[in-house]
Amino acid sequence: MNVPMMVPQNFSIPAGYNEVITFDVDPAVIDSLVDTQIFWRVYAQQFGIPDADPIIMKSSHSAGEIVGIDSPLSFTVQMYTADTLRLLRNYYHEASIVAANGEVIGGSWGIMTVTETINFLPRSP
C-alpha cells in the first residue's frame, strides 16, 4: 500500500516584512476547506524539533489571519511586521486543519527562516 506523505513546506521571510504566505494542502483528504478550522503555529526549534511554547499563533478564527482556498486546495497566512521583527534564525512551523467533527484532517509543517534585512525605508517625519 502506497501511503501519501506530507512534504515539508519550508520558506524564508525577511524580519519585519508584511507578507502573505501560501501553503499547499497535500496530500488532500478532503475536497474543500469549507467548515474547517485552520491553526498555524511557529516554535523555536533545535534540529527541526520544536523545543518551546509557540512564539507565533494564528488561526482561521481571526479575520484575515488564515484564509482557506479550495482551488487549488491551500491556505494563506498573513504575516505582519510585528510577527518577525525581532526574530532571526530558523523556526519550526506547523499547521493543523480540523474538520467540523473535531478530526484533524490535514496540515503543513516545515522550517521558517527569518532573515536579516537592512533595507528598511526611512519613516516620514
Protein backbone atom coordinates (compact mmCIF):
# COMPACT_ATOMS: atom_id res chain seq x y z
CA MET A 1 0.00 0.00 0.00
CA ASN A 2 1.40 3.39 -1.00
CA VAL A 3 0.53 5.98 1.65
CA PRO A 4 0.93 9.63 0.57
CA MET A 5 3.04 11.70 2.95
CA MET A 6 3.20 15.39 3.71
CA VAL A 7 6.30 17.09 2.37
CA PRO A 8 7.89 19.89 4.41
CA GLN A 9 6.96 23.37 3.24
CA ASN A 10 9.98 25.49 4.11
CA PHE A 11 10.08 29.23 3.47
CA SER A 12 12.08 32.37 4.22
CA ILE A 13 10.84 35.80 5.23
CA PRO A 14 12.87 38.95 5.93
CA ALA A 15 12.49 40.13 9.53
CA GLY A 16 9.70 42.67 9.87
CA TYR A 17 8.11 42.13 6.47
CA ASN A 18 4.34 42.14 6.00
CA GLU A 19 3.73 39.14 3.70
CA VAL A 20 1.09 36.57 2.79
CA ILE A 21 2.46 33.02 2.80
CA THR A 22 0.61 30.29 0.85
CA PHE A 23 0.70 26.63 1.90
CA ASP A 24 -0.47 23.67 -0.21
CA VAL A 25 -2.75 21.08 1.37
CA ASP A 26 -1.12 17.94 0.03
CA PRO A 27 -1.96 15.14 0.32
CA ALA A 28 -5.58 16.28 0.39
CA VAL A 29 -8.06 14.06 2.21
CA ILE A 30 -10.91 16.50 1.55
CA ASP A 31 -12.14 18.49 -1.44
CA SER A 32 -12.96 21.74 0.35
CA LEU A 33 -11.86 23.75 3.37
CA VAL A 34 -15.41 24.99 3.99
CA ASP A 35 -16.46 24.33 7.62
CA THR A 36 -12.88 23.64 8.72
CA GLN A 37 -10.69 25.46 11.20
CA ILE A 38 -7.02 26.06 10.47
CA PHE A 39 -4.43 26.65 13.17
CA TRP A 40 -0.82 27.67 12.43
CA ARG A 41 1.96 27.98 14.99
CA VAL A 42 5.68 28.77 14.96
CA TYR A 43 8.12 27.40 17.54
CA ALA A 44 11.77 27.84 18.42
CA GLN A 45 13.41 24.60 17.34
CA GLN A 46 16.50 22.50 17.66
CA PHE A 47 17.35 20.06 14.86
CA GLY A 48 13.90 20.63 13.34
CA ILE A 49 12.08 19.68 16.55
CA PRO A 50 10.02 22.26 18.49
CA ASP A 51 11.56 22.89 21.90
CA ALA A 52 9.37 25.58 23.48
CA ASP A 53 5.90 27.12 23.52
CA PRO A 54 4.72 28.74 20.27
CA ILE A 55 6.09 32.21 19.52
CA ILE A 56 3.54 32.94 16.76
CA MET A 57 -0.04 31.63 16.78
CA LYS A 58 -2.65 32.28 14.10
CA SER A 59 -6.00 30.73 13.26
CA SER A 60 -8.85 30.99 10.81
CA HIS A 61 -10.97 32.23 13.76
CA SER A 62 -9.31 35.65 13.48
CA ALA A 63 -10.48 37.58 10.43
CA GLY A 64 -7.83 37.68 7.72
CA GLU A 65 -5.10 35.78 9.61
CA ILE A 66 -5.66 32.48 7.78
CA VAL A 67 -7.82 32.04 4.68
CA GLY A 68 -8.67 28.66 3.16
CA ILE A 69 -8.67 28.30 -0.63
CA ASP A 70 -10.44 25.44 -2.39
CA SER A 71 -8.82 25.53 -5.83
CA PRO A 72 -6.08 24.56 -5.61
CA LEU A 73 -6.54 23.27 -2.05
CA SER A 74 -4.36 25.59 0.03
CA PHE A 75 -4.44 28.28 2.70
CA THR A 76 -2.77 31.62 3.25
CA VAL A 77 -1.26 33.01 6.44
CA GLN A 78 -0.97 36.78 6.88
CA MET A 79 2.37 37.75 8.43
CA TYR A 80 2.62 41.20 9.97
CA THR A 81 5.70 43.30 10.73
CA ALA A 82 5.47 42.59 14.47
CA ASP A 83 5.40 38.80 13.90
CA THR A 84 9.05 38.57 12.84
CA LEU A 85 10.59 41.92 13.68
CA ARG A 86 12.93 40.59 16.37
CA LEU A 87 13.34 37.02 15.12
CA LEU A 88 16.49 35.96 13.26
CA ARG A 89 17.12 32.25 12.71
CA ASN A 90 15.28 29.05 11.81
CA TYR A 91 11.95 28.13 13.40
CA TYR A 92 9.64 25.13 13.12
CA HIS A 93 6.13 25.85 11.80
CA GLU A 94 3.11 23.57 11.79
CA ALA A 95 -0.50 23.90 10.66
CA SER A 96 -3.47 21.72 11.55
CA ILE A 97 -6.73 21.58 9.62
CA VAL A 98 -9.65 20.48 11.80
CA ALA A 99 -12.98 19.28 10.39
CA ALA A 100 -16.33 20.27 11.88
CA ASN A 101 -16.41 16.96 13.81
CA GLY A 102 -13.08 17.79 15.51
CA GLU A 103 -10.96 15.37 13.47
CA VAL A 104 -7.54 16.62 12.30
CA ILE A 105 -7.70 16.07 8.54
CA GLY A 106 -4.53 17.66 7.25
CA GLY A 107 -1.94 20.31 7.71
CA SER A 108 1.52 21.50 6.90
CA TRP A 109 4.91 21.66 8.56
CA GLY A 110 8.45 22.79 7.86
CA ILE A 111 11.12 25.32 8.69
CA MET A 112 10.54 29.09 8.60
CA THR A 113 13.77 31.05 8.19
CA VAL A 114 13.71 34.69 9.28
CA THR A 115 16.50 36.57 7.54
CA GLU A 116 18.10 39.86 8.44
CA THR A 117 17.32 42.91 6.35
CA ILE A 118 18.88 46.32 6.36
CA ASN A 119 16.68 47.71 3.61
CA PHE A 120 14.14 49.46 5.85
CA LEU A 121 12.86 52.68 4.33
CA PRO A 122 13.08 55.86 6.39
CA ARG A 123 9.86 56.91 8.08
CA SER A 124 8.20 60.18 7.21
CA PRO A 125 8.63 62.93 9.83
